[in-house]
Amino acid sequence: MHTRALQRIYVILDKQDREQLEALCRILSDLFFYTELTSNLYMVAEDLAEGMPQVERIQKQVTSFLRANLFARIYVHFIHSAPQGNTEEMDFYFQYYYQNWKRVTMEFDREAYMHQEVPRLMLLPLIAPSSHTNPAALMELLGTLKSAFLLPSLYLDWGTFHQAANEEHVAKAEKIYYGPGNNSEKSEIVCSLCHENIVHETSARLDSNPASMMEACPAAVIISTSDGMIYPCVDAFVRKESLANIYDAPHVDALMAQYDGYLASQRDCQACRDRVVASFSDLPLPKGATHELSDLLYHFGTLHQEAENHVLAAERYEKSLKLSPAEEAGPIHFRLGLSYANTGRYDQGLESFGKAKAMYQDQYYFHFYTGLCHFQKGDYGLAIGGFSKALDMDPQQEDLVRILIYLGTCCNSLGDYEQAVVQLERAKQEAGQVKEIYNTLGFSYFQLENYDKAIENLKVAVELDPSSAIDYASLGANYRERGDTDMAVAMYERALELDPGLAVARENLERLRDHHV
């Protein structure tokens, strides 16, 4: 049984014979019964003259459906290129095309007036101007349409984004849609309209239930009259994964069963949402839209970071930064610093952490991660400064142990083995059975020539990790220095059993054997 009502139906109109147009009308008439109470029908044509006759024929099916279903409401969007001509010629286009189209809504307008509600049938022309469109004529057309309650919108791409700078255009357009392309092809427009809807729907999910990002995108189908195929979502449309051919007269129940099966299949809708949001991030969008995108990019960056895909996380954070107000950028800089640190870009990580300092300097983990970047760069003195600040700020138990281990390692690297022992012994008291504490202490005590203590700690290290060849080699070195040659040989042999390529164990073993001989 069908469980998801369609929110949107997209139709790409092309040249059709009468029989094909009737097949399209039949399938649309059936699909209307599977829509939500308020749904949207988008029809994309090459131009006004070519598309309007088909739109008017389809409109008859819409009207018939609404007459029979008194609680249904359909918003009809007709997308076409801007008519060419001067301001006087725009009046002809309105009188000859739009005014006739508007007449079909009169009964629904009267109904809405009587009940004081929004009409159940609304006509929403969406005009895609080109770089050659006469700005004055376009403004005249928008004004005329709006005065006739046709509520016009604009579709802008890279070649026409400058139209949004015209405040009069913006004021007369009910809405402005943006597309990442540069040629306004019908398939490209449909993808952009679908993608923009996904962005807004994803933003709503972010506010209400971020965990629902993996769920399917808004229920919609795309019908292409050029090949007759019907597609279950924009991702399937791009990949040419169709459900059926409408010209084969499929039964709508079977068609929607296929649709449900597709929605239930193993698709990565979260990745689709992520790609769509990223595709809009480079467009010159208005301030409100960029803020919405910035929040979404930050969210997807965090999802990638939690999945330890730090390269993709950094890309999303970088895009988010470009769109975010400076006063809200602190969390993005911090998260970006984490991804840089995890991909070996420590200088960039420190730069990002520096920009987040004002917001995070009172948090111990900020100083821990700055210390970690310095540590990875080999700047152990600066690393100790960061780790020490973190230590003074009462870190959580798990992080406390990590900080102490890093501090001990830094001290070892700087030759301050006594201080290393102080930090690592404290870590041992706090954490207990952590191998890294014991083998690092083994190194510190070895350097202090306290071989008994080194052996004591290294024995615990190999108990915790019996497969650690390097720890057995370290035991061998301590036994050797203590003068226990047989135990040293045994430890080196065990190290080589685990890792035959461990050169330090092989070289020391050969020297001991030569000396013994």
Protein backbone atom coordinates (compact mmCIF):
# COMPACT_ATOMS: atom_id res chain seq x y z
CA MET A 1 0.00 0.00 0.00
CA HIS A 2 1.28 3.47 -0.86
CA THR A 3 2.42 5.33 2.25
CA ARG A 4 3.95 8.63 1.11
CA ALA A 5 1.82 11.30 -0.54
CA LEU A 6 3.50 13.22 -3.34
CA GLN A 7 4.31 16.83 -2.54
CA ARG A 8 5.47 17.79 -6.01
CA ILE A 9 5.14 16.61 -9.60
CA TYR A 10 7.62 17.96 -12.16
CA VAL A 11 6.88 17.69 -15.88
CA ILE A 12 9.44 18.50 -18.58
CA LEU A 13 7.38 19.44 -21.64
CA ASP A 14 8.61 18.71 -25.15
CA LYS A 15 7.01 18.49 -28.57
CA GLN A 16 4.32 15.82 -28.38
CA ASP A 17 1.67 14.50 -30.69
CA ARG A 18 -1.95 14.40 -29.55
CA GLU A 19 -1.77 10.79 -28.41
CA GLN A 20 1.32 11.40 -26.28
CA LEU A 21 -0.21 14.48 -24.68
CA GLU A 22 -3.33 12.51 -23.78
CA ALA A 23 -1.17 9.78 -22.22
CA LEU A 24 0.56 12.44 -20.11
CA CYS A 25 -2.79 13.87 -19.03
CA ARG A 26 -4.07 10.43 -18.01
CA ILE A 27 -1.07 9.63 -15.85
CA LEU A 28 -1.20 13.08 -14.22
CA SER A 29 -4.91 12.71 -13.54
CA ASP A 30 -4.20 9.41 -11.76
CA LEU A 31 -1.21 10.78 -9.87
CA PHE A 32 -3.23 13.67 -8.44
CA PHE A 33 -4.99 11.11 -6.23
CA TYR A 34 -1.62 10.27 -4.67
CA THR A 35 -0.72 13.83 -3.73
CA GLU A 36 -0.97 15.67 -0.44
CA LEU A 37 -3.98 17.91 0.15
CA THR A 38 -1.80 20.82 -0.93
CA SER A 39 0.58 19.90 -3.74
CA ASN A 40 2.63 21.57 -6.47
CA LEU A 41 2.70 20.86 -10.19
CA TYR A 42 5.71 22.23 -12.09
CA MET A 43 5.66 22.30 -15.89
CA VAL A 44 8.85 23.34 -17.66
CA ALA A 45 8.71 24.36 -21.32
CA GLU A 46 11.19 25.79 -23.79
CA ASP A 47 9.18 28.97 -24.24
CA LEU A 48 5.76 30.48 -23.66
CA ALA A 49 4.35 29.86 -27.14
CA GLU A 50 5.38 26.21 -27.29
CA GLY A 51 4.40 25.35 -23.74
CA MET A 52 1.09 27.15 -23.18
CA PRO A 53 -1.12 24.86 -25.35
CA GLN A 54 0.14 21.82 -23.41
CA VAL A 55 -0.24 23.63 -20.11
CA GLU A 56 -3.83 24.55 -20.92
CA ARG A 57 -4.63 20.92 -21.79
CA ILE A 58 -3.11 19.67 -18.55
CA GLN A 59 -4.93 22.46 -16.71
CA LYS A 60 -8.23 20.83 -17.65
CA GLN A 61 -7.19 17.71 -15.70
CA VAL A 62 -6.22 19.86 -12.73
CA THR A 63 -9.58 21.66 -12.79
CA SER A 64 -11.49 18.40 -13.08
CA PHE A 65 -9.62 16.91 -10.14
CA LEU A 66 -10.20 19.96 -7.92
CA ARG A 67 -13.93 20.02 -8.73
CA ALA A 68 -14.23 16.41 -7.59
CA ASN A 69 -12.00 16.81 -4.51
CA LEU A 70 -13.16 19.82 -2.57
CA PHE A 71 -10.39 19.71 0.05
CA ALA A 72 -7.53 19.50 -2.45
CA ARG A 73 -5.35 22.45 -3.45
CA ILE A 74 -2.86 22.54 -6.34
CA TYR A 75 -0.35 25.26 -7.12
CA VAL A 76 0.52 25.21 -10.82
CA HIS A 77 3.95 26.54 -11.78
CA PHE A 78 4.61 27.17 -15.48
CA ILE A 79 8.33 27.67 -16.11
CA HIS A 80 9.47 29.12 -19.43
CA SER A 81 12.02 31.50 -20.93
CA ALA A 82 11.29 35.23 -20.88
CA PRO A 83 9.31 36.49 -23.89
CA GLN A 84 11.48 38.65 -26.13
CA GLY A 85 10.39 42.16 -27.02
CA ASN A 86 9.89 45.68 -25.74
CA THR A 87 7.45 46.92 -23.08
CA GLU A 88 4.62 47.35 -25.62
CA GLU A 89 4.97 43.76 -26.82
CA MET A 90 4.64 42.45 -23.27
CA ASP A 91 1.00 43.51 -23.28
CA PHE A 92 0.42 41.24 -26.29
CA TYR A 93 1.96 38.28 -24.49
CA PHE A 94 -0.20 38.91 -21.45
CA GLN A 95 -3.44 39.30 -23.41
CA TYR A 96 -2.82 36.37 -25.77
CA TYR A 97 -1.34 33.82 -23.34
CA TYR A 98 -1.54 34.63 -19.66
CA GLN A 99 -5.00 36.20 -19.53
CA ASN A 100 -6.61 33.19 -21.17
CA TRP A 101 -4.73 30.92 -18.79
CA LYS A 102 -5.93 32.96 -15.82
CA ARG A 103 -9.60 32.65 -16.83
CA VAL A 104 -9.66 28.98 -15.79
CA THR A 105 -9.18 30.01 -12.16
CA MET A 106 -12.24 32.26 -11.92
CA GLU A 107 -14.51 29.70 -10.29
CA PHE A 108 -11.83 28.94 -7.67
CA ASP A 109 -11.20 32.63 -7.08
CA ARG A 110 -14.92 33.14 -6.40
CA GLU A 111 -14.96 30.12 -4.11
CA ALA A 112 -11.99 31.47 -2.16
CA TYR A 113 -13.61 34.90 -1.89
CA MET A 114 -16.79 33.39 -0.48
CA HIS A 115 -14.93 31.33 2.11
CA GLN A 116 -12.23 33.96 2.79
CA GLU A 117 -9.35 31.58 2.10
CA VAL A 118 -6.51 31.04 -0.36
CA PRO A 119 -7.76 29.75 -3.75
CA ARG A 120 -7.47 26.02 -4.26
CA LEU A 121 -6.00 26.64 -7.73
CA MET A 122 -3.18 29.13 -8.05
CA LEU A 123 -1.22 29.89 -11.22
CA LEU A 124 2.41 30.78 -10.65
CA PRO A 125 4.41 31.62 -13.80
CA LEU A 126 8.16 31.22 -13.30
CA ILE A 127 10.14 33.15 -15.89
CA ALA A 128 13.74 32.35 -16.78
CA PRO A 129 15.27 35.47 -18.38
CA SER A 130 18.39 35.31 -20.52
CA SER A 131 21.27 37.76 -20.71
CA HIS A 132 19.51 39.29 -23.76
CA THR A 133 16.19 39.92 -22.00
CA ASN A 134 15.08 43.54 -22.05
CA PRO A 135 15.10 44.57 -18.34
CA ALA A 136 12.37 47.21 -18.76
CA ALA A 137 10.14 44.79 -20.65
CA LEU A 138 10.68 42.07 -18.06
CA MET A 139 9.75 44.49 -15.29
CA GLU A 140 6.62 45.49 -17.19
CA LEU A 141 5.59 41.86 -17.59
CA LEU A 142 6.20 41.04 -13.92
CA GLY A 143 4.12 44.02 -12.86
CA THR A 144 1.25 43.10 -15.15
CA LEU A 145 1.23 39.47 -14.01
CA LYS A 146 1.30 40.45 -10.36
CA SER A 147 -1.61 42.88 -10.79
CA ALA A 148 -3.61 40.01 -12.34
CA PHE A 149 -2.84 37.77 -9.31
CA LEU A 150 -0.64 35.43 -11.31
CA LEU A 151 2.20 35.81 -8.76
CA PRO A 152 5.26 35.61 -11.04
CA SER A 153 8.68 34.36 -9.98
CA LEU A 154 12.15 34.48 -11.57
CA TYR A 155 14.64 31.71 -12.23
CA LEU A 156 18.21 33.02 -12.30
CA ASP A 157 21.47 31.24 -13.11
CA TRP A 158 25.09 32.33 -13.49
CA GLY A 159 24.28 34.26 -16.64
CA THR A 160 21.40 36.20 -15.10
CA PHE A 161 22.22 36.59 -11.39
CA HIS A 162 22.73 40.30 -12.03
CA GLN A 163 18.94 40.59 -12.39
CA ALA A 164 18.66 40.13 -8.63
CA ALA A 165 20.55 43.38 -8.15
CA ASN A 166 17.60 45.23 -9.67
CA GLU A 167 15.45 46.07 -6.64
CA GLU A 168 12.38 46.67 -8.81
CA HIS A 169 12.66 43.16 -10.27
CA VAL A 170 13.00 41.71 -6.79
CA ALA A 171 9.99 43.68 -5.57
CA LYS A 172 7.76 42.54 -8.43
CA ALA A 173 8.80 38.86 -8.27
CA GLU A 174 6.94 36.72 -5.78
CA LYS A 175 10.03 34.56 -5.39
CA ILE A 176 13.46 34.16 -6.94
CA TYR A 177 14.83 30.70 -7.67
CA TYR A 178 18.55 30.17 -8.19
CA GLY A 179 20.31 27.62 -10.35
CA PRO A 180 24.01 26.70 -10.53
CA GLY A 181 24.01 26.28 -14.33
CA ASN A 182 24.54 28.77 -17.13
CA ASN A 183 22.21 27.77 -19.95
CA SER A 184 18.73 27.30 -18.42
CA GLU A 185 18.08 23.96 -20.10
CA LYS A 186 14.80 22.38 -19.04
CA SER A 187 16.39 19.40 -17.31
CA GLU A 188 18.80 21.70 -15.52
CA ILE A 189 15.96 23.94 -14.32
CA VAL A 190 14.06 20.94 -12.97
CA CYS A 191 17.15 19.74 -11.09
CA SER A 192 17.67 23.21 -9.63
CA LEU A 193 14.04 23.49 -8.52
CA CYS A 194 14.22 20.04 -6.90
CA HIS A 195 17.52 20.85 -5.25
CA GLU A 196 16.30 24.16 -3.86
CA ASN A 197 13.30 22.40 -2.35
CA ILE A 198 15.63 19.80 -0.81
CA VAL A 199 17.73 22.58 0.73
CA HIS A 200 14.70 24.22 2.36
CA GLU A 201 13.28 20.89 3.52
CA THR A 202 16.66 19.86 4.92
CA SER A 203 16.91 23.16 6.77
CA ALA A 204 13.52 22.51 8.35
CA ARG A 205 14.72 19.07 9.46
CA LEU A 206 17.83 20.64 10.96
CA ASP A 207 15.66 22.86 13.13
CA SER A 208 13.24 20.12 14.19
CA ASN A 209 15.02 16.76 14.03
CA PRO A 210 18.63 16.62 12.76
CA ALA A 211 18.62 12.82 13.11
CA SER A 212 16.10 12.57 10.25
CA MET A 213 18.68 13.63 7.63
CA MET A 214 18.96 10.02 6.46
CA GLU A 215 15.28 9.87 5.56
CA ALA A 216 14.11 10.24 1.97
CA CYS A 217 13.88 13.69 0.41
CA PRO A 218 10.45 15.32 -0.16
CA ALA A 219 8.16 12.94 -2.03
CA ALA A 220 8.13 13.90 -5.70
CA VAL A 221 8.22 12.46 -9.20
CA ILE A 222 9.71 13.83 -12.41
CA ILE A 223 8.12 13.11 -15.80
CA SER A 224 10.13 13.73 -18.96
CA THR A 225 7.93 13.85 -22.04
CA SER A 226 10.93 13.62 -24.37
CA ASP A 227 11.60 9.99 -23.38
CA GLY A 228 8.26 9.30 -21.65
CA MET A 229 9.99 8.20 -18.47
CA ILE A 230 8.86 8.86 -14.90
CA TYR A 231 11.54 9.16 -12.22
CA PRO A 232 11.12 8.76 -8.43
CA CYS A 233 13.45 11.61 -7.37
CA VAL A 234 15.98 14.07 -8.75
CA ASP A 235 18.90 11.76 -7.97
CA ALA A 236 17.25 8.99 -9.98
CA PHE A 237 16.54 11.49 -12.77
CA VAL A 238 20.21 12.44 -12.98
CA ARG A 239 21.22 8.77 -13.05
CA LYS A 240 18.42 7.89 -15.51
CA GLU A 241 16.87 5.31 -13.17
CA SER A 242 13.21 5.42 -14.23
CA LEU A 243 10.14 3.67 -12.85
CA ALA A 244 8.15 3.28 -16.07
CA ASN A 245 7.29 4.76 -19.46
CA ILE A 246 4.08 6.78 -19.30
CA TYR A 247 3.38 6.08 -22.98
CA ASP A 248 3.05 2.37 -22.12
CA ALA A 249 -0.06 3.23 -20.05
CA PRO A 250 1.20 1.85 -16.69
CA HIS A 251 -1.38 1.24 -13.99
CA VAL A 252 -0.93 3.94 -11.37
CA ASP A 253 -1.23 1.54 -8.39
CA ALA A 254 1.59 -0.60 -9.74
CA LEU A 255 3.59 2.52 -10.54
CA MET A 256 3.27 3.85 -7.01
CA ALA A 257 4.13 0.43 -5.58
CA GLN A 258 7.39 0.69 -7.54
CA TYR A 259 7.80 4.19 -6.15
CA ASP A 260 7.43 2.90 -2.58
CA GLY A 261 9.93 0.15 -3.30
CA TYR A 262 12.42 2.71 -4.54
CA LEU A 263 11.98 4.84 -1.42
CA ALA A 264 12.54 1.77 0.75
CA SER A 265 15.70 0.75 -1.11
CA GLN A 266 19.20 1.26 0.26
CA ARG A 267 19.81 4.83 -0.86
CA ASP A 268 22.08 7.32 0.84
CA CYS A 269 19.67 10.24 1.12
CA GLN A 270 21.90 11.98 3.64
CA ALA A 271 24.75 12.03 1.11
CA CYS A 272 22.32 13.35 -1.52
CA ARG A 273 21.25 16.18 0.78
CA ASP A 274 24.89 16.92 1.52
CA ARG A 275 25.81 17.15 -2.19
CA VAL A 276 22.81 19.34 -2.95
CA VAL A 277 23.58 21.79 -0.15
CA ALA A 278 27.23 22.00 -1.25
CA SER A 279 26.17 22.67 -4.87
CA PHE A 280 24.36 25.85 -3.79
CA SER A 281 27.17 27.18 -1.62
CA ASP A 282 29.03 29.01 -4.38
CA LEU A 283 25.99 30.87 -5.74
CA PRO A 284 25.61 34.62 -5.08
CA LEU A 285 22.52 34.13 -2.95
CA PRO A 286 20.78 36.76 -0.79
CA LYS A 287 21.85 37.09 2.84
CA GLY A 288 19.00 35.08 4.32
CA ALA A 289 19.66 32.12 2.03
CA THR A 290 23.42 32.13 2.67
CA HIS A 291 22.86 31.99 6.42
CA GLU A 292 20.62 28.95 5.95
CA LEU A 293 23.25 27.25 3.80
CA SER A 294 26.01 28.07 6.27
CA ASP A 295 24.13 26.28 9.05
CA LEU A 296 23.55 23.25 6.81
CA LEU A 297 27.17 23.08 5.68
CA TYR A 298 28.31 23.27 9.30
CA HIS A 299 25.93 20.43 10.18
CA PHE A 300 27.15 18.18 7.36
CA GLY A 301 30.74 19.06 8.19
CA THR A 302 30.12 17.85 11.73
CA LEU A 303 28.55 14.61 10.45
CA HIS A 304 31.63 13.98 8.29
CA GLN A 305 33.89 14.81 11.22
CA GLU A 306 32.08 12.36 13.49
CA ALA A 307 32.50 9.73 10.76
CA GLU A 308 36.21 10.64 10.69
CA ASN A 309 36.04 11.81 7.08
CA HIS A 310 38.06 14.89 7.91
CA VAL A 311 38.90 15.87 4.33
CA LEU A 312 35.23 16.23 3.40
CA ALA A 313 34.47 17.79 6.79
CA ALA A 314 37.08 20.49 6.15
CA GLU A 315 35.58 21.22 2.71
CA ARG A 316 32.14 21.74 4.25
CA TYR A 317 33.48 23.94 7.05
CA GLU A 318 35.44 26.05 4.57
CA LYS A 319 32.29 26.64 2.53
CA SER A 320 30.32 27.38 5.68
CA LEU A 321 32.87 30.02 6.71
CA LYS A 322 32.44 31.89 3.44
CA LEU A 323 28.73 32.26 4.09
CA SER A 324 28.70 32.79 7.84
CA PRO A 325 28.66 36.19 9.59
CA ALA A 326 32.02 36.87 11.27
CA GLU A 327 30.43 37.07 14.72
CA GLU A 328 29.08 33.50 14.36
CA ALA A 329 32.21 31.95 12.85
CA GLY A 330 33.93 30.84 16.08
CA PRO A 331 32.50 27.28 16.20
CA ILE A 332 33.23 26.79 12.49
CA HIS A 333 36.87 27.87 12.94
CA PHE A 334 37.25 25.48 15.87
CA ARG A 335 35.72 22.53 14.03
CA LEU A 336 37.77 23.33 10.95
CA GLY A 337 40.89 23.37 13.12
CA LEU A 338 40.06 19.85 14.30
CA SER A 339 39.73 18.58 10.73
CA TYR A 340 42.97 20.27 9.71
CA ALA A 341 44.73 18.69 12.69
CA ASN A 342 43.38 15.26 11.76
CA THR A 343 44.60 15.58 8.16
CA GLY A 344 48.12 16.72 9.03
CA ARG A 345 47.60 20.41 8.20
CA TYR A 346 48.86 21.60 11.56
CA ASP A 347 49.76 25.18 10.59
CA GLN A 348 46.26 25.67 9.15
CA GLY A 349 44.85 24.03 12.26
CA LEU A 350 46.66 26.47 14.52
CA GLU A 351 45.48 29.37 12.39
CA SER A 352 41.86 28.22 12.68
CA PHE A 353 42.19 27.64 16.42
CA GLY A 354 43.62 31.12 16.75
CA LYS A 355 40.51 32.58 15.15
CA ALA A 356 38.35 30.61 17.58
CA LYS A 357 40.38 31.61 20.64
CA ALA A 358 38.10 34.40 21.84
CA MET A 359 35.19 31.96 22.10
CA TYR A 360 37.03 28.84 23.30
CA GLN A 361 40.00 29.98 25.40
CA ASP A 362 38.14 29.10 28.60
CA GLN A 363 37.71 25.49 27.47
CA TYR A 364 40.42 22.96 28.24
CA TYR A 365 39.97 21.07 24.99
CA PHE A 366 40.87 24.20 23.01
CA HIS A 367 44.32 24.26 24.64
CA PHE A 368 44.61 20.49 24.29
CA TYR A 369 44.10 20.61 20.52
CA THR A 370 46.42 23.59 20.02
CA GLY A 371 49.00 21.67 22.05
CA LEU A 372 48.39 18.62 19.87
CA CYS A 373 49.11 20.61 16.69
CA HIS A 374 52.38 21.90 18.15
CA PHE A 375 53.22 18.35 19.25
CA GLN A 376 52.67 16.94 15.77
CA LYS A 377 54.87 19.69 14.33
CA GLY A 378 57.65 18.77 16.79
CA ASP A 379 57.38 22.07 18.71
CA TYR A 380 57.43 20.31 22.07
CA GLY A 381 57.96 23.40 24.17
CA LEU A 382 54.86 25.08 22.73
CA ALA A 383 52.99 21.80 23.00
CA ILE A 384 53.79 21.60 26.73
CA GLY A 385 52.37 25.11 27.11
CA GLY A 386 49.06 24.07 25.55
CA PHE A 387 48.83 20.76 27.41
CA SER A 388 49.70 22.42 30.72
CA LYS A 389 46.93 25.01 30.30
CA ALA A 390 44.48 22.22 29.51
CA LEU A 391 45.65 20.32 32.60
CA ASP A 392 45.02 23.33 34.83
CA MET A 393 41.38 23.58 33.64
CA ASP A 394 40.06 20.36 35.24
CA PRO A 395 39.66 18.19 32.10
CA GLN A 396 37.41 15.16 31.98
CA GLN A 397 38.98 11.92 33.16
CA GLU A 398 39.56 10.40 29.72
CA ASP A 399 41.09 13.62 28.40
CA LEU A 400 43.14 14.07 31.58
CA VAL A 401 44.94 10.81 30.90
CA ARG A 402 45.59 11.73 27.25
CA ILE A 403 46.98 15.12 28.28
CA LEU A 404 49.32 13.53 30.84
CA ILE A 405 50.57 11.01 28.26
CA TYR A 406 51.27 13.78 25.76
CA LEU A 407 53.00 15.85 28.43
CA GLY A 408 55.18 12.91 29.36
CA THR A 409 56.02 12.27 25.71
CA CYS A 410 56.93 15.94 25.18
CA CYS A 411 59.21 15.87 28.21
CA ASN A 412 60.89 12.73 26.89
CA SER A 413 61.42 14.42 23.53
CA LEU A 414 63.05 17.41 25.27
CA GLY A 415 65.25 15.17 27.43
CA ASP A 416 63.47 16.04 30.69
CA TYR A 417 62.98 12.42 31.72
CA GLU A 418 62.37 13.08 35.40
CA GLN A 419 59.46 15.39 34.59
CA ALA A 420 58.22 12.83 32.09
CA VAL A 421 58.12 10.23 34.87
CA VAL A 422 56.14 12.62 37.09
CA GLN A 423 53.45 13.12 34.43
CA LEU A 424 53.29 9.48 33.38
CA GLU A 425 53.15 8.08 36.91
CA ARG A 426 50.22 10.40 37.55
CA ALA A 427 48.60 9.12 34.36
CA LYS A 428 49.10 5.55 35.58
CA GLN A 429 47.35 6.37 38.85
CA GLU A 430 44.46 7.99 37.00
CA ALA A 431 43.99 5.42 34.24
CA GLY A 432 45.54 2.12 35.16
CA GLN A 433 45.69 -0.31 32.24
CA VAL A 434 46.69 1.87 29.29
CA LYS A 435 49.59 0.43 27.29
CA GLU A 436 50.90 3.80 26.08
CA ILE A 437 51.55 4.87 29.66
CA TYR A 438 53.65 1.83 30.47
CA ASN A 439 55.81 1.72 27.36
CA THR A 440 56.43 5.48 27.53
CA LEU A 441 57.39 5.14 31.21
CA GLY A 442 59.66 2.28 30.18
CA PHE A 443 61.49 4.68 27.83
CA SER A 444 61.75 7.39 30.54
CA TYR A 445 63.17 5.01 33.14
CA PHE A 446 65.56 3.54 30.57
CA GLN A 447 66.93 7.01 29.89
CA LEU A 448 67.29 7.56 33.64
CA GLU A 449 69.15 4.20 33.79
CA ASN A 450 66.54 2.82 36.19
CA TYR A 451 66.30 -0.48 34.33
CA ASP A 452 64.32 -2.32 36.99
CA LYS A 453 61.53 0.28 36.84
CA ALA A 454 61.68 0.27 33.04
CA ILE A 455 61.34 -3.54 32.94
CA GLU A 456 58.50 -3.44 35.46
CA ASN A 457 56.48 -1.06 33.26
CA LEU A 458 57.35 -2.72 29.96
CA LYS A 459 56.20 -6.09 31.28
CA VAL A 460 52.79 -4.58 31.89
CA ALA A 461 52.86 -3.10 28.39
CA VAL A 462 53.36 -6.52 26.74
CA GLU A 463 50.74 -8.07 29.01
CA LEU A 464 48.29 -5.49 27.71
CA ASP A 465 49.45 -5.94 24.12
CA PRO A 466 51.25 -9.26 23.55
CA SER A 467 51.65 -8.48 19.85
CA SER A 468 53.80 -5.36 20.41
CA ALA A 469 57.19 -6.24 18.95
CA ILE A 470 58.75 -2.87 19.81
CA ASP A 471 57.92 -3.30 23.52
CA TYR A 472 59.65 -6.68 23.56
CA ALA A 473 62.65 -5.04 21.89
CA SER A 474 62.62 -2.35 24.61
CA LEU A 475 62.57 -5.07 27.27
CA GLY A 476 65.57 -6.62 25.52
CA ALA A 477 67.45 -3.30 25.71
CA ASN A 478 66.79 -2.97 29.44
CA TYR A 479 67.82 -6.56 30.19
CA ARG A 480 70.95 -5.99 28.11
CA GLU A 481 71.88 -2.87 30.06
CA ARG A 482 71.18 -4.66 33.34
CA GLY A 483 73.56 -7.40 32.25
CA ASP A 484 70.96 -10.16 31.87
CA THR A 485 72.05 -11.38 28.43
CA ASP A 486 69.89 -14.51 28.29
CA MET A 487 66.71 -12.54 28.98
CA ALA A 488 67.78 -9.85 26.52
CA VAL A 489 68.27 -12.49 23.79
CA ALA A 490 64.89 -14.03 24.59
CA MET A 491 63.15 -10.65 24.33
CA TYR A 492 64.83 -9.76 21.04
CA GLU A 493 63.93 -13.16 19.61
CA ARG A 494 60.32 -12.71 20.65
CA ALA A 495 60.28 -9.25 19.04
CA LEU A 496 61.55 -10.72 15.76
CA GLU A 497 58.96 -13.51 15.87
CA LEU A 498 56.31 -10.81 15.95
CA ASP A 499 58.02 -8.51 13.45
CA PRO A 500 60.86 -10.09 11.42
CA GLY A 501 61.62 -6.71 9.87
CA LEU A 502 62.34 -4.93 13.17
CA ALA A 503 65.91 -3.81 12.51
CA VAL A 504 66.74 -2.60 16.03
CA ALA A 505 65.91 -6.02 17.49
CA ARG A 506 67.86 -7.91 14.81
CA GLU A 507 71.00 -5.71 15.13
CA ASN A 508 71.06 -5.91 18.92
CA LEU A 509 70.46 -9.65 18.89
CA GLU A 510 73.37 -10.18 16.48
CA ARG A 511 75.66 -8.07 18.65
CA LEU A 512 74.72 -10.01 21.78
CA ARG A 513 75.29 -13.34 20.06
CA ASP A 514 78.65 -12.23 18.64
CA HIS A 515 79.71 -10.98 22.07
CA HIS A 516 78.52 -14.21 23.72
CA VAL A 517 80.54 -16.27 21.24
